mmCIF file of all heavy atoms, coordinates in Angstrom:
data_MODEL
# 
_entry.id   MODEL 
# 
loop_
_atom_site.group_PDB 
_atom_site.id 
_atom_site.type_symbol 
_atom_site.label_atom_id 
_atom_site.label_alt_id 
_atom_site.label_comp_id 
_atom_site.label_asym_id 
_atom_site.label_entity_id 
_atom_site.label_seq_id 
_atom_site.pdbx_PDB_ins_code 
_atom_site.Cartn_x 
_atom_site.Cartn_y 
_atom_site.Cartn_z 
_atom_site.occupancy 
_atom_site.B_iso_or_equiv 
_atom_site.pdbx_formal_charge 
_atom_site.auth_seq_id 
_atom_site.auth_comp_id 
_atom_site.auth_asym_id 
_atom_site.auth_atom_id 
_atom_site.pdbx_PDB_model_num 
ATOM 1   N N   . PRO A 1 1  ? 57.186 105.603 64.789 1.00 0.00 ? 1  PRO A N   1 
ATOM 2   C CA  . PRO A 1 1  ? 55.910 105.270 64.162 1.00 0.00 ? 1  PRO A CA  1 
ATOM 3   C C   . PRO A 1 1  ? 54.827 106.314 64.422 1.00 0.00 ? 1  PRO A C   1 
ATOM 4   O O   . PRO A 1 1  ? 53.891 106.437 63.637 1.00 0.00 ? 1  PRO A O   1 
ATOM 5   C CB  . PRO A 1 1  ? 55.541 103.921 64.784 1.00 0.00 ? 1  PRO A CB  1 
ATOM 6   C CG  . PRO A 1 1  ? 56.299 103.858 66.066 1.00 0.00 ? 1  PRO A CG  1 
ATOM 7   C CD  . PRO A 1 1  ? 57.544 104.673 65.850 1.00 0.00 ? 1  PRO A CD  1 
ATOM 8   N N   . ILE A 1 2  ? 54.962 107.102 65.482 1.00 0.00 ? 2  ILE A N   1 
ATOM 9   C CA  . ILE A 1 2  ? 53.972 108.140 65.779 1.00 0.00 ? 2  ILE A CA  1 
ATOM 10  C C   . ILE A 1 2  ? 54.084 109.267 64.761 1.00 0.00 ? 2  ILE A C   1 
ATOM 11  O O   . ILE A 1 2  ? 53.086 109.735 64.215 1.00 0.00 ? 2  ILE A O   1 
ATOM 12  C CB  . ILE A 1 2  ? 54.150 108.672 67.216 1.00 0.00 ? 2  ILE A CB  1 
ATOM 13  C CG1 . ILE A 1 2  ? 53.934 107.533 68.224 1.00 0.00 ? 2  ILE A CG1 1 
ATOM 14  C CG2 . ILE A 1 2  ? 53.186 109.827 67.496 1.00 0.00 ? 2  ILE A CG2 1 
ATOM 15  C CD1 . ILE A 1 2  ? 54.416 107.856 69.621 1.00 0.00 ? 2  ILE A CD1 1 
ATOM 16  N N   . GLN A 1 3  ? 55.321 109.707 64.496 1.00 0.00 ? 3  GLN A N   1 
ATOM 17  C CA  . GLN A 1 3  ? 55.546 110.782 63.528 1.00 0.00 ? 3  GLN A CA  1 
ATOM 18  C C   . GLN A 1 3  ? 55.666 110.255 62.100 1.00 0.00 ? 3  GLN A C   1 
ATOM 19  O O   . GLN A 1 3  ? 55.709 111.037 61.153 1.00 0.00 ? 3  GLN A O   1 
ATOM 20  C CB  . GLN A 1 3  ? 56.827 111.547 63.896 1.00 0.00 ? 3  GLN A CB  1 
ATOM 21  C CG  . GLN A 1 3  ? 56.840 112.088 65.310 1.00 0.00 ? 3  GLN A CG  1 
ATOM 22  C CD  . GLN A 1 3  ? 55.701 113.030 65.612 1.00 0.00 ? 3  GLN A CD  1 
ATOM 23  O OE1 . GLN A 1 3  ? 55.324 113.841 64.771 1.00 0.00 ? 3  GLN A OE1 1 
ATOM 24  N NE2 . GLN A 1 3  ? 55.141 112.926 66.796 1.00 0.00 ? 3  GLN A NE2 1 
ATOM 25  N N   . GLN A 1 4  ? 55.770 108.941 61.953 1.00 0.00 ? 4  GLN A N   1 
ATOM 26  C CA  . GLN A 1 4  ? 55.864 108.268 60.651 1.00 0.00 ? 4  GLN A CA  1 
ATOM 27  C C   . GLN A 1 4  ? 57.114 108.695 59.870 1.00 0.00 ? 4  GLN A C   1 
ATOM 28  O O   . GLN A 1 4  ? 57.050 109.002 58.676 1.00 0.00 ? 4  GLN A O   1 
ATOM 29  C CB  . GLN A 1 4  ? 54.601 108.504 59.834 1.00 0.00 ? 4  GLN A CB  1 
ATOM 30  C CG  . GLN A 1 4  ? 53.336 108.005 60.524 1.00 0.00 ? 4  GLN A CG  1 
ATOM 31  C CD  . GLN A 1 4  ? 52.110 108.350 59.736 1.00 0.00 ? 4  GLN A CD  1 
ATOM 32  O OE1 . GLN A 1 4  ? 52.045 108.077 58.544 1.00 0.00 ? 4  GLN A OE1 1 
ATOM 33  N NE2 . GLN A 1 4  ? 51.131 108.943 60.387 1.00 0.00 ? 4  GLN A NE2 1 
ATOM 34  N N   . VAL A 1 5  ? 58.248 108.712 60.584 1.00 0.00 ? 5  VAL A N   1 
ATOM 35  C CA  . VAL A 1 5  ? 59.519 109.084 59.964 1.00 0.00 ? 5  VAL A CA  1 
ATOM 36  C C   . VAL A 1 5  ? 60.637 108.177 60.467 1.00 0.00 ? 5  VAL A C   1 
ATOM 37  O O   . VAL A 1 5  ? 60.532 107.562 61.518 1.00 0.00 ? 5  VAL A O   1 
ATOM 38  C CB  . VAL A 1 5  ? 59.894 110.557 60.261 1.00 0.00 ? 5  VAL A CB  1 
ATOM 39  C CG1 . VAL A 1 5  ? 58.933 111.523 59.596 1.00 0.00 ? 5  VAL A CG1 1 
ATOM 40  C CG2 . VAL A 1 5  ? 59.989 110.828 61.755 1.00 0.00 ? 5  VAL A CG2 1 
ATOM 41  N N   . ARG A 1 6  ? 61.716 108.125 59.685 1.00 0.00 ? 6  ARG A N   1 
ATOM 42  C CA  . ARG A 1 6  ? 62.984 107.541 60.108 1.00 0.00 ? 6  ARG A CA  1 
ATOM 43  C C   . ARG A 1 6  ? 63.923 108.709 60.390 1.00 0.00 ? 6  ARG A C   1 
ATOM 44  O O   . ARG A 1 6  ? 63.928 109.698 59.641 1.00 0.00 ? 6  ARG A O   1 
ATOM 45  C CB  . ARG A 1 6  ? 63.544 106.612 59.032 1.00 0.00 ? 6  ARG A CB  1 
ATOM 46  C CG  . ARG A 1 6  ? 62.856 105.254 59.016 1.00 0.00 ? 6  ARG A CG  1 
ATOM 47  C CD  . ARG A 1 6  ? 63.503 104.302 58.023 1.00 0.00 ? 6  ARG A CD  1 
ATOM 48  N NE  . ARG A 1 6  ? 63.218 104.662 56.645 1.00 0.00 ? 6  ARG A NE  1 
ATOM 49  C CZ  . ARG A 1 6  ? 62.085 104.377 55.994 1.00 0.00 ? 6  ARG A CZ  1 
ATOM 50  N NH1 . ARG A 1 6  ? 61.117 103.725 56.612 1.00 0.00 ? 6  ARG A NH1 1 
ATOM 51  N NH2 . ARG A 1 6  ? 61.913 104.733 54.745 1.00 0.00 ? 6  ARG A NH2 1 
ATOM 52  N N   . ILE A 1 7  ? 64.725 108.577 61.445 1.00 0.00 ? 7  ILE A N   1 
ATOM 53  C CA  . ILE A 1 7  ? 65.520 109.703 61.945 1.00 0.00 ? 7  ILE A CA  1 
ATOM 54  C C   . ILE A 1 7  ? 66.969 109.294 62.142 1.00 0.00 ? 7  ILE A C   1 
ATOM 55  O O   . ILE A 1 7  ? 67.257 108.187 62.597 1.00 0.00 ? 7  ILE A O   1 
ATOM 56  C CB  . ILE A 1 7  ? 64.949 110.198 63.293 1.00 0.00 ? 7  ILE A CB  1 
ATOM 57  C CG1 . ILE A 1 7  ? 63.489 110.642 63.129 1.00 0.00 ? 7  ILE A CG1 1 
ATOM 58  C CG2 . ILE A 1 7  ? 65.814 111.314 63.877 1.00 0.00 ? 7  ILE A CG2 1 
ATOM 59  C CD1 . ILE A 1 7  ? 62.764 110.873 64.431 1.00 0.00 ? 7  ILE A CD1 1 
ATOM 60  N N   . GLN A 1 8  ? 67.861 110.222 61.823 1.00 0.00 ? 8  GLN A N   1 
ATOM 61  C CA  . GLN A 1 8  ? 69.285 110.075 62.126 1.00 0.00 ? 8  GLN A CA  1 
ATOM 62  C C   . GLN A 1 8  ? 69.761 111.416 62.658 1.00 0.00 ? 8  GLN A C   1 
ATOM 63  O O   . GLN A 1 8  ? 69.645 112.433 61.973 1.00 0.00 ? 8  GLN A O   1 
ATOM 64  C CB  . GLN A 1 8  ? 70.076 109.719 60.866 1.00 0.00 ? 8  GLN A CB  1 
ATOM 65  C CG  . GLN A 1 8  ? 71.582 109.748 61.046 1.00 0.00 ? 8  GLN A CG  1 
ATOM 66  C CD  . GLN A 1 8  ? 72.093 108.594 61.889 1.00 0.00 ? 8  GLN A CD  1 
ATOM 67  O OE1 . GLN A 1 8  ? 72.022 107.467 61.451 1.00 0.00 ? 8  GLN A OE1 1 
ATOM 68  N NE2 . GLN A 1 8  ? 72.585 108.884 63.069 1.00 0.00 ? 8  GLN A NE2 1 
ATOM 69  N N   . PHE A 1 9  ? 70.271 111.439 63.879 1.00 0.00 ? 9  PHE A N   1 
ATOM 70  C CA  . PHE A 1 9  ? 70.889 112.642 64.413 1.00 0.00 ? 9  PHE A CA  1 
ATOM 71  C C   . PHE A 1 9  ? 72.363 112.629 64.033 1.00 0.00 ? 9  PHE A C   1 
ATOM 72  O O   . PHE A 1 9  ? 73.006 111.579 64.057 1.00 0.00 ? 9  PHE A O   1 
ATOM 73  C CB  . PHE A 1 9  ? 70.751 112.717 65.936 1.00 0.00 ? 9  PHE A CB  1 
ATOM 74  C CG  . PHE A 1 9  ? 69.376 113.106 66.390 1.00 0.00 ? 9  PHE A CG  1 
ATOM 75  C CD1 . PHE A 1 9  ? 68.517 112.152 66.909 1.00 0.00 ? 9  PHE A CD1 1 
ATOM 76  C CD2 . PHE A 1 9  ? 68.945 114.415 66.301 1.00 0.00 ? 9  PHE A CD2 1 
ATOM 77  C CE1 . PHE A 1 9  ? 67.249 112.504 67.336 1.00 0.00 ? 9  PHE A CE1 1 
ATOM 78  C CE2 . PHE A 1 9  ? 67.676 114.785 66.718 1.00 0.00 ? 9  PHE A CE2 1 
ATOM 79  C CZ  . PHE A 1 9  ? 66.822 113.821 67.239 1.00 0.00 ? 9  PHE A CZ  1 
ATOM 80  N N   . VAL A 1 10 ? 72.897 113.800 63.680 1.00 0.00 ? 10 VAL A N   1 
ATOM 81  C CA  . VAL A 1 10 ? 74.316 113.954 63.397 1.00 0.00 ? 10 VAL A CA  1 
ATOM 82  C C   . VAL A 1 10 ? 74.811 115.200 64.130 1.00 0.00 ? 10 VAL A C   1 
ATOM 83  O O   . VAL A 1 10 ? 74.050 116.144 64.359 1.00 0.00 ? 10 VAL A O   1 
ATOM 84  C CB  . VAL A 1 10 ? 74.625 114.046 61.879 1.00 0.00 ? 10 VAL A CB  1 
ATOM 85  C CG1 . VAL A 1 10 ? 74.237 112.763 61.165 1.00 0.00 ? 10 VAL A CG1 1 
ATOM 86  C CG2 . VAL A 1 10 ? 73.942 115.238 61.246 1.00 0.00 ? 10 VAL A CG2 1 
ATOM 87  N N   . SER A 1 11 ? 76.080 115.183 64.501 1.00 0.00 ? 11 SER A N   1 
ATOM 88  C CA  . SER A 1 11 ? 76.645 116.345 65.183 1.00 0.00 ? 11 SER A CA  1 
ATOM 89  C C   . SER A 1 11 ? 78.105 116.494 64.798 1.00 0.00 ? 11 SER A C   1 
ATOM 90  O O   . SER A 1 11 ? 78.706 115.574 64.241 1.00 0.00 ? 11 SER A O   1 
ATOM 91  C CB  . SER A 1 11 ? 76.494 116.195 66.702 1.00 0.00 ? 11 SER A CB  1 
ATOM 92  O OG  . SER A 1 11 ? 77.161 115.037 67.149 1.00 0.00 ? 11 SER A OG  1 
ATOM 93  N N   . GLY A 1 12 ? 78.646 117.665 65.094 1.00 0.00 ? 12 GLY A N   1 
ATOM 94  C CA  . GLY A 1 12 ? 80.071 117.874 64.866 1.00 0.00 ? 12 GLY A CA  1 
ATOM 95  C C   . GLY A 1 12 ? 80.437 119.207 64.278 1.00 0.00 ? 12 GLY A C   1 
ATOM 96  O O   . GLY A 1 12 ? 81.088 120.004 64.930 1.00 0.00 ? 12 GLY A O   1 
ATOM 97  N N   . GLY A 1 13 ? 80.055 119.504 63.051 1.00 0.00 ? 13 GLY A N   1 
ATOM 98  C CA  . GLY A 1 13 ? 80.549 120.673 62.348 1.00 0.00 ? 13 GLY A CA  1 
ATOM 99  C C   . GLY A 1 13 ? 79.817 121.962 62.626 1.00 0.00 ? 13 GLY A C   1 
ATOM 100 O O   . GLY A 1 13 ? 80.228 123.016 62.180 1.00 0.00 ? 13 GLY A O   1 
ATOM 101 N N   . GLY A 1 14 ? 78.753 121.912 63.367 1.00 0.00 ? 14 GLY A N   1 
ATOM 102 C CA  . GLY A 1 14 ? 77.929 123.083 63.658 1.00 0.00 ? 14 GLY A CA  1 
ATOM 103 C C   . GLY A 1 14 ? 76.786 122.654 64.537 1.00 0.00 ? 14 GLY A C   1 
ATOM 104 O O   . GLY A 1 14 ? 76.955 121.782 65.384 1.00 0.00 ? 14 GLY A O   1 
ATOM 105 N N   . PRO A 1 15 ? 75.596 123.196 64.325 1.00 0.00 ? 15 PRO A N   1 
ATOM 106 C CA  . PRO A 1 15 ? 74.472 122.786 65.163 1.00 0.00 ? 15 PRO A CA  1 
ATOM 107 C C   . PRO A 1 15 ? 74.132 121.306 64.948 1.00 0.00 ? 15 PRO A C   1 
ATOM 108 O O   . PRO A 1 15 ? 74.394 120.737 63.880 1.00 0.00 ? 15 PRO A O   1 
ATOM 109 C CB  . PRO A 1 15 ? 73.316 123.674 64.702 1.00 0.00 ? 15 PRO A CB  1 
ATOM 110 C CG  . PRO A 1 15 ? 73.757 124.324 63.458 1.00 0.00 ? 15 PRO A CG  1 
ATOM 111 C CD  . PRO A 1 15 ? 75.237 124.182 63.328 1.00 0.00 ? 15 PRO A CD  1 
ATOM 112 N N   . ARG A 1 16 ? 73.561 120.686 65.953 1.00 0.00 ? 16 ARG A N   1 
ATOM 113 C CA  . ARG A 1 16 ? 73.099 119.301 65.840 1.00 0.00 ? 16 ARG A CA  1 
ATOM 114 C C   . ARG A 1 16 ? 71.994 119.254 64.791 1.00 0.00 ? 16 ARG A C   1 
ATOM 115 O O   . ARG A 1 16 ? 71.122 120.109 64.757 1.00 0.00 ? 16 ARG A O   1 
ATOM 116 C CB  . ARG A 1 16 ? 72.546 118.855 67.191 1.00 0.00 ? 16 ARG A CB  1 
ATOM 117 C CG  . ARG A 1 16 ? 72.108 117.421 67.219 1.00 0.00 ? 16 ARG A CG  1 
ATOM 118 C CD  . ARG A 1 16 ? 71.552 117.082 68.590 1.00 0.00 ? 16 ARG A CD  1 
ATOM 119 N NE  . ARG A 1 16 ? 71.430 115.663 68.761 1.00 0.00 ? 16 ARG A NE  1 
ATOM 120 C CZ  . ARG A 1 16 ? 70.481 115.097 69.475 1.00 0.00 ? 16 ARG A CZ  1 
ATOM 121 N NH1 . ARG A 1 16 ? 69.575 115.844 70.092 1.00 0.00 ? 16 ARG A NH1 1 
ATOM 122 N NH2 . ARG A 1 16 ? 70.424 113.790 69.598 1.00 0.00 ? 16 ARG A NH2 1 
ATOM 123 N N   . LEU A 1 17 ? 72.072 118.278 63.907 1.00 0.00 ? 17 LEU A N   1 
ATOM 124 C CA  . LEU A 1 17 ? 71.087 118.137 62.837 1.00 0.00 ? 17 LEU A CA  1 
ATOM 125 C C   . LEU A 1 17 ? 70.264 116.875 63.033 1.00 0.00 ? 17 LEU A C   1 
ATOM 126 O O   . LEU A 1 17 ? 70.785 115.851 63.462 1.00 0.00 ? 17 LEU A O   1 
ATOM 127 C CB  . LEU A 1 17 ? 71.774 118.067 61.469 1.00 0.00 ? 17 LEU A CB  1 
ATOM 128 C CG  . LEU A 1 17 ? 72.669 119.236 61.081 1.00 0.00 ? 17 LEU A CG  1 
ATOM 129 C CD1 . LEU A 1 17 ? 73.328 118.964 59.731 1.00 0.00 ? 17 LEU A CD1 1 
ATOM 130 C CD2 . LEU A 1 17 ? 71.874 120.531 61.049 1.00 0.00 ? 17 LEU A CD2 1 
ATOM 131 N N   . GLU A 1 18 ? 68.994 116.962 62.681 1.00 0.00 ? 18 GLU A N   1 
ATOM 132 C CA  . GLU A 1 18 ? 68.093 115.814 62.671 1.00 0.00 ? 18 GLU A CA  1 
ATOM 133 C C   . GLU A 1 18 ? 67.713 115.569 61.215 1.00 0.00 ? 18 GLU A C   1 
ATOM 134 O O   . GLU A 1 18 ? 67.023 116.377 60.602 1.00 0.00 ? 18 GLU A O   1 
ATOM 135 C CB  . GLU A 1 18 ? 66.848 116.109 63.505 1.00 0.00 ? 18 GLU A CB  1 
ATOM 136 C CG  . GLU A 1 18 ? 65.833 115.003 63.524 1.00 0.00 ? 18 GLU A CG  1 
ATOM 137 C CD  . GLU A 1 18 ? 64.563 115.386 64.267 1.00 0.00 ? 18 GLU A CD  1 
ATOM 138 O OE1 . GLU A 1 18 ? 64.308 116.595 64.474 1.00 0.00 ? 18 GLU A OE1 1 
ATOM 139 O OE2 . GLU A 1 18 ? 63.814 114.470 64.631 1.00 0.00 ? 18 GLU A OE2 1 
ATOM 140 N N   . LEU A 1 19 ? 68.196 114.474 60.656 1.00 0.00 ? 19 LEU A N   1 
ATOM 141 C CA  . LEU A 1 19 ? 67.873 114.117 59.281 1.00 0.00 ? 19 LEU A CA  1 
ATOM 142 C C   . LEU A 1 19 ? 66.668 113.189 59.322 1.00 0.00 ? 19 LEU A C   1 
ATOM 143 O O   . LEU A 1 19 ? 66.662 112.210 60.065 1.00 0.00 ? 19 LEU A O   1 
ATOM 144 C CB  . LEU A 1 19 ? 69.066 113.426 58.620 1.00 0.00 ? 19 LEU A CB  1 
ATOM 145 C CG  . LEU A 1 19 ? 70.386 114.184 58.680 1.00 0.00 ? 19 LEU A CG  1 
ATOM 146 C CD1 . LEU A 1 19 ? 71.503 113.340 58.082 1.00 0.00 ? 19 LEU A CD1 1 
ATOM 147 C CD2 . LEU A 1 19 ? 70.280 115.523 57.992 1.00 0.00 ? 19 LEU A CD2 1 
ATOM 148 N N   . ILE A 1 20 ? 65.656 113.512 58.543 1.00 0.00 ? 20 ILE A N   1 
ATOM 149 C CA  . ILE A 1 20 ? 64.438 112.698 58.566 1.00 0.00 ? 20 ILE A CA  1 
ATOM 150 C C   . ILE A 1 20 ? 64.055 112.289 57.155 1.00 0.00 ? 20 ILE A C   1 
ATOM 151 O O   . ILE A 1 20 ? 64.366 112.979 56.185 1.00 0.00 ? 20 ILE A O   1 
ATOM 152 C CB  . ILE A 1 20 ? 63.271 113.431 59.249 1.00 0.00 ? 20 ILE A CB  1 
ATOM 153 C CG1 . ILE A 1 20 ? 62.905 114.716 58.499 1.00 0.00 ? 20 ILE A CG1 1 
ATOM 154 C CG2 . ILE A 1 20 ? 63.578 113.737 60.697 1.00 0.00 ? 20 ILE A CG2 1 
ATOM 155 C CD1 . ILE A 1 20 ? 61.653 115.373 59.003 1.00 0.00 ? 20 ILE A CD1 1 
ATOM 156 N N   . GLU A 1 21 ? 63.376 111.152 57.078 1.00 0.00 ? 21 GLU A N   1 
ATOM 157 C CA  . GLU A 1 21 ? 62.807 110.701 55.815 1.00 0.00 ? 21 GLU A CA  1 
ATOM 158 C C   . GLU A 1 21 ? 61.483 110.040 56.129 1.00 0.00 ? 21 GLU A C   1 
ATOM 159 O O   . GLU A 1 21 ? 61.261 109.542 57.241 1.00 0.00 ? 21 GLU A O   1 
ATOM 160 C CB  . GLU A 1 21 ? 63.745 109.737 55.091 1.00 0.00 ? 21 GLU A CB  1 
ATOM 161 C CG  . GLU A 1 21 ? 63.949 108.416 55.785 1.00 0.00 ? 21 GLU A CG  1 
ATOM 162 C CD  . GLU A 1 21 ? 64.891 107.500 55.019 1.00 0.00 ? 21 GLU A CD  1 
ATOM 163 O OE1 . GLU A 1 21 ? 65.282 107.815 53.892 1.00 0.00 ? 21 GLU A OE1 1 
ATOM 164 O OE2 . GLU A 1 21 ? 65.229 106.449 55.577 1.00 0.00 ? 21 GLU A OE2 1 
ATOM 165 N N   . PRO A 1 22 ? 60.552 110.022 55.176 1.00 0.00 ? 22 PRO A N   1 
ATOM 166 C CA  . PRO A 1 22 ? 59.262 109.401 55.418 1.00 0.00 ? 22 PRO A CA  1 
ATOM 167 C C   . PRO A 1 22 ? 59.411 107.903 55.678 1.00 0.00 ? 22 PRO A C   1 
ATOM 168 O O   . PRO A 1 22 ? 60.244 107.249 55.066 1.00 0.00 ? 22 PRO A O   1 
ATOM 169 C CB  . PRO A 1 22 ? 58.467 109.645 54.136 1.00 0.00 ? 22 PRO A CB  1 
ATOM 170 C CG  . PRO A 1 22 ? 59.372 110.340 53.187 1.00 0.00 ? 22 PRO A CG  1 
ATOM 171 C CD  . PRO A 1 22 ? 60.684 110.569 53.837 1.00 0.00 ? 22 PRO A CD  1 
ATOM 172 N N   . ALA A 1 23 ? 58.595 107.397 56.596 1.00 0.00 ? 23 ALA A N   1 
ATOM 173 C CA  . ALA A 1 23 ? 58.596 105.960 56.881 1.00 0.00 ? 23 ALA A CA  1 
ATOM 174 C C   . ALA A 1 23 ? 57.429 105.270 56.180 1.00 0.00 ? 23 ALA A C   1 
ATOM 175 O O   . ALA A 1 23 ? 57.210 104.087 56.374 1.00 0.00 ? 23 ALA A O   1 
ATOM 176 C CB  . ALA A 1 23 ? 58.522 105.722 58.384 1.00 0.00 ? 23 ALA A CB  1 
ATOM 177 N N   . GLY A 1 24 ? 56.688 106.007 55.378 1.00 0.00 ? 24 GLY A N   1 
ATOM 178 C CA  . GLY A 1 24 ? 55.574 105.445 54.635 1.00 0.00 ? 24 GLY A CA  1 
ATOM 179 C C   . GLY A 1 24 ? 54.836 106.526 53.877 1.00 0.00 ? 24 GLY A C   1 
ATOM 180 O O   . GLY A 1 24 ? 55.109 107.719 54.038 1.00 0.00 ? 24 GLY A O   1 
ATOM 181 N N   . ALA A 1 25 ? 53.890 106.116 53.076 1.00 0.00 ? 25 ALA A N   1 
ATOM 182 C CA  . ALA A 1 25 ? 53.148 107.051 52.213 1.00 0.00 ? 25 ALA A CA  1 
ATOM 183 C C   . ALA A 1 25 ? 52.308 108.045 53.007 1.00 0.00 ? 25 ALA A C   1 
ATOM 184 O O   . ALA A 1 25 ? 51.996 109.119 52.507 1.00 0.00 ? 25 ALA A O   1 
ATOM 185 C CB  . ALA A 1 25 ? 52.263 106.275 51.244 1.00 0.00 ? 25 ALA A CB  1 
ATOM 186 N N   . GLN A 1 26 ? 51.946 107.717 54.253 1.00 0.00 ? 26 GLN A N   1 
ATOM 187 C CA  . GLN A 1 26 ? 51.116 108.616 55.056 1.00 0.00 ? 26 GLN A CA  1 
ATOM 188 C C   . GLN A 1 26 ? 51.927 109.597 55.898 1.00 0.00 ? 26 GLN A C   1 
ATOM 189 O O   . GLN A 1 26 ? 51.377 110.403 56.628 1.00 0.00 ? 26 GLN A O   1 
ATOM 190 C CB  . GLN A 1 26 ? 50.203 107.785 55.976 1.00 0.00 ? 26 GLN A CB  1 
ATOM 191 C CG  . GLN A 1 26 ? 49.257 106.866 55.223 1.00 0.00 ? 26 GLN A CG  1 
ATOM 192 C CD  . GLN A 1 26 ? 48.376 107.629 54.245 1.00 0.00 ? 26 GLN A CD  1 
ATOM 193 O OE1 . GLN A 1 26 ? 47.778 108.647 54.595 1.00 0.00 ? 26 GLN A OE1 1 
ATOM 194 N NE2 . GLN A 1 26 ? 48.304 107.153 53.012 1.00 0.00 ? 26 GLN A NE2 1 
ATOM 195 N N   . SER A 1 27 ? 53.242 109.554 55.800 1.00 0.00 ? 27 SER A N   1 
ATOM 196 C CA  . SER A 1 27 ? 54.096 110.450 56.572 1.00 0.00 ? 27 SER A CA  1 
ATOM 197 C C   . SER A 1 27 ? 53.867 111.895 56.150 1.00 0.00 ? 27 SER A C   1 
ATOM 198 O O   . SER A 1 27 ? 53.776 112.190 54.954 1.00 0.00 ? 27 SER A O   1 
ATOM 199 C CB  . SER A 1 27 ? 55.564 110.083 56.337 1.00 0.00 ? 27 SER A CB  1 
ATOM 200 O OG  . SER A 1 27 ? 56.410 111.040 56.937 1.00 0.00 ? 27 SER A OG  1 
ATOM 201 N N   . PRO A 1 28 ? 53.793 112.827 57.105 1.00 0.00 ? 28 PRO A N   1 
ATOM 202 C CA  . PRO A 1 28 ? 53.654 114.241 56.745 1.00 0.00 ? 28 PRO A CA  1 
ATOM 203 C C   . PRO A 1 28 ? 54.820 114.735 55.882 1.00 0.00 ? 28 PRO A C   1 
ATOM 204 O O   . PRO A 1 28 ? 54.656 115.641 55.076 1.00 0.00 ? 28 PRO A O   1 
ATOM 205 C CB  . PRO A 1 28 ? 53.648 114.971 58.090 1.00 0.00 ? 28 PRO A CB  1 
ATOM 206 C CG  . PRO A 1 28 ? 53.481 113.946 59.135 1.00 0.00 ? 28 PRO A CG  1 
ATOM 207 C CD  . PRO A 1 28 ? 53.812 112.615 58.552 1.00 0.00 ? 28 PRO A CD  1 
# 
């Protein structure tokens, strides 16, 4: 809620990835 995003970390095929999506209209 501080960054206003939803996050999913994934790993395996290369570098660790952080997938993000907005959690609301005010998300950066």
